Amino acid sequence: MKPASEIISRPILTEKASGLAEANKYVFEILPGADRRQVKAAIEASFKVTVIKINILIRKGKVRRSRLGSGSIYAESISRRAIVTLKKGDVISLA
């Protein structure tokens, strides 16, 4: 199994994610090949909390048009996010 630092890329700190933190849910960007069991083990090992539920989202990259090339089109990379629900009373300090 991969170490937690490789599975969890970074926490997502947006307005919507901070609203979810009030409901004891935290959002992280994860490795493209990671599954729920690996994410749960990585979060519990890194932050010493108890994970109840994990939802994984796949965000497809936007298709962009380059200004420099003659109409060349490229796509941004795909990212995966995990919304992690913690046990009542557990808190992750991301700031």
C-alpha atoms as a PDB file:
ATOM      1  CA  MET A   1       0.000   0.000   0.000  1.00  0.00           C
ATOM      2  CA  LYS A   2       1.225   3.497  -0.826  1.00  0.00           C
ATOM      3  CA  PRO A   3       2.052   5.974   1.938  1.00  0.00           C
ATOM      4  CA  ALA A   4      -0.569   8.557   2.933  1.00  0.00           C
ATOM      5  CA  SER A   5       1.458  11.420   1.464  1.00  0.00           C
ATOM      6  CA  GLU A   6       1.175   9.885  -2.006  1.00  0.00           C
ATOM      7  CA  ILE A   7      -2.572   9.163  -1.814  1.00  0.00           C
ATOM      8  CA  ILE A   8      -3.622  12.603  -0.535  1.00  0.00           C
ATOM      9  CA  SER A   9      -2.347  15.367  -2.828  1.00  0.00           C
ATOM     10  CA  ARG A  10      -3.720  18.421  -1.020  1.00  0.00           C
ATOM     11  CA  PRO A  11      -6.748  19.723   0.875  1.00  0.00           C
ATOM     12  CA  ILE A  12      -9.239  21.788  -1.119  1.00  0.00           C
ATOM     13  CA  LEU A  13      -9.764  25.169   0.549  1.00  0.00           C
ATOM     14  CA  THR A  14     -12.687  26.828  -1.216  1.00  0.00           C
ATOM     15  CA  GLU A  15     -15.789  28.584   0.024  1.00  0.00           C
ATOM     16  CA  LYS A  16     -17.913  25.524  -0.646  1.00  0.00           C
ATOM     17  CA  ALA A  17     -15.412  23.216   1.093  1.00  0.00           C
ATOM     18  CA  SER A  18     -15.303  25.460   4.161  1.00  0.00           C
ATOM     19  CA  GLY A  19     -19.108  25.307   4.285  1.00  0.00           C
ATOM     20  CA  LEU A  20     -18.887  21.517   4.286  1.00  0.00           C
ATOM     21  CA  ALA A  21     -16.370  21.662   7.160  1.00  0.00           C
ATOM     22  CA  GLU A  22     -19.157  22.970   9.392  1.00  0.00           C
ATOM     23  CA  ALA A  23     -20.991  19.685   8.707  1.00  0.00           C
ATOM     24  CA  ASN A  24     -17.826  17.725   9.637  1.00  0.00           C
ATOM     25  CA  LYS A  25     -16.970  17.012   5.967  1.00  0.00           C
ATOM     26  CA  TYR A  26     -13.567  17.778   4.460  1.00  0.00           C
ATOM     27  CA  VAL A  27     -12.465  17.795   0.807  1.00  0.00           C
ATOM     28  CA  PHE A  28      -9.104  16.492  -0.445  1.00  0.00           C
ATOM     29  CA  GLU A  29      -7.563  16.026  -3.877  1.00  0.00           C
ATOM     30  CA  ILE A  30      -6.450  12.405  -4.201  1.00  0.00           C
ATOM     31  CA  LEU A  31      -4.314  10.186  -6.403  1.00  0.00           C
ATOM     32  CA  PRO A  32      -6.115   9.133  -9.622  1.00  0.00           C
ATOM     33  CA  GLY A  33      -5.884   5.392  -8.855  1.00  0.00           C
ATOM     34  CA  ALA A  34      -6.803   5.517  -5.143  1.00  0.00           C
ATOM     35  CA  ASP A  35      -9.927   3.764  -3.900  1.00  0.00           C
ATOM     36  CA  ARG A  36     -12.078   4.385  -0.810  1.00  0.00           C
ATOM     37  CA  ARG A  37     -10.174   1.984   1.448  1.00  0.00           C
ATOM     38  CA  GLN A  38      -6.829   3.573   0.639  1.00  0.00           C
ATOM     39  CA  VAL A  39      -8.185   7.102   1.163  1.00  0.00           C
ATOM     40  CA  LYS A  40      -9.758   6.117   4.493  1.00  0.00           C
ATOM     41  CA  ALA A  41      -6.517   4.568   5.749  1.00  0.00           C
ATOM     42  CA  ALA A  42      -4.487   7.592   4.611  1.00  0.00           C
ATOM     43  CA  ILE A  43      -6.799  10.141   6.298  1.00  0.00           C
ATOM     44  CA  GLU A  44      -6.958   8.162   9.536  1.00  0.00           C
ATOM     45  CA  ALA A  45      -3.171   7.713   9.628  1.00  0.00           C
ATOM     46  CA  SER A  46      -2.351  11.325   8.745  1.00  0.00           C
ATOM     47  CA  PHE A  47      -4.829  13.206  10.931  1.00  0.00           C
ATOM     48  CA  LYS A  48      -5.631  10.673  13.730  1.00  0.00           C
ATOM     49  CA  VAL A  49      -9.417  10.875  13.169  1.00  0.00           C
ATOM     50  CA  THR A  50     -12.204   8.350  12.532  1.00  0.00           C
ATOM     51  CA  VAL A  51     -13.672   8.352   9.014  1.00  0.00           C
ATOM     52  CA  ILE A  52     -17.337   7.403   8.637  1.00  0.00           C
ATOM     53  CA  LYS A  53     -17.996   7.919   4.924  1.00  0.00           C
ATOM     54  CA  ILE A  54     -16.100   8.818   1.734  1.00  0.00           C
ATOM     55  CA  ASN A  55     -17.536  10.169  -1.515  1.00  0.00           C
ATOM     56  CA  ILE A  56     -15.199  10.320  -4.520  1.00  0.00           C
ATOM     57  CA  LEU A  57     -15.720  12.813  -7.364  1.00  0.00           C
ATOM     58  CA  ILE A  58     -14.030  12.766 -10.753  1.00  0.00           C
ATOM     59  CA  ARG A  59     -13.608  16.251 -12.223  1.00  0.00           C
ATOM     60  CA  LYS A  60     -12.925  16.244 -15.933  1.00  0.00           C
ATOM     61  CA  GLY A  61     -10.534  18.868 -17.270  1.00  0.00           C
ATOM     62  CA  LYS A  62     -11.885  21.736 -19.326  1.00  0.00           C
ATOM     63  CA  VAL A  63     -11.120  21.837 -23.036  1.00  0.00           C
ATOM     64  CA  ARG A  64      -9.058  24.932 -23.817  1.00  0.00           C
ATOM     65  CA  ARG A  65      -7.997  26.612 -27.007  1.00  0.00           C
ATOM     66  CA  SER A  66      -4.418  27.855 -27.307  1.00  0.00           C
ATOM     67  CA  ARG A  67      -3.888  31.424 -28.487  1.00  0.00           C
ATOM     68  CA  LEU A  68      -0.401  30.743 -29.766  1.00  0.00           C
ATOM     69  CA  GLY A  69      -0.965  27.759 -32.011  1.00  0.00           C
ATOM     70  CA  SER A  70      -3.097  27.730 -35.107  1.00  0.00           C
ATOM     71  CA  GLY A  71      -6.303  26.603 -33.450  1.00  0.00           C
ATOM     72  CA  SER A  72      -4.649  23.970 -31.285  1.00  0.00           C
ATOM     73  CA  ILE A  73      -6.888  22.518 -28.600  1.00  0.00           C
ATOM     74  CA  TYR A  74      -5.809  20.867 -25.358  1.00  0.00           C
ATOM     75  CA  ALA A  75      -7.567  19.514 -22.297  1.00  0.00           C
ATOM     76  CA  GLU A  76      -6.690  20.226 -18.688  1.00  0.00           C
ATOM     77  CA  SER A  77      -5.893  17.230 -16.533  1.00  0.00           C
ATOM     78  CA  ILE A  78      -8.528  15.183 -14.745  1.00  0.00           C
ATOM     79  CA  SER A  79      -8.591  15.472 -10.953  1.00  0.00           C
ATOM     80  CA  ARG A  80     -10.204  13.303  -8.304  1.00  0.00           C
ATOM     81  CA  ARG A  81     -11.572  14.625  -5.043  1.00  0.00           C
ATOM     82  CA  ALA A  82     -12.688  12.862  -1.907  1.00  0.00           C
ATOM     83  CA  ILE A  83     -15.304  14.285   0.452  1.00  0.00           C
ATOM     84  CA  VAL A  84     -14.529  12.717   3.826  1.00  0.00           C
ATOM     85  CA  THR A  85     -17.146  12.621   6.607  1.00  0.00           C
ATOM     86  CA  LEU A  86     -15.704  12.339  10.101  1.00  0.00           C
ATOM     87  CA  LYS A  87     -17.095  11.045  13.383  1.00  0.00           C
ATOM     88  CA  LYS A  88     -18.816  13.656  15.528  1.00  0.00           C
ATOM     89  CA  GLY A  89     -16.242  15.518  17.605  1.00  0.00           C
ATOM     90  CA  ASP A  90     -13.272  14.836  15.277  1.00  0.00           C
ATOM     91  CA  VAL A  91     -11.749  17.920  13.610  1.00  0.00           C
ATOM     92  CA  ILE A  92      -9.036  18.391  10.989  1.00  0.00           C
ATOM     93  CA  SER A  93      -7.103  21.663  11.195  1.00  0.00           C
ATOM     94  CA  LEU A  94      -6.320  22.703   7.608  1.00  0.00           C
ATOM     95  CA  ALA A  95      -5.400  26.364   8.121  1.00  0.00           C
END
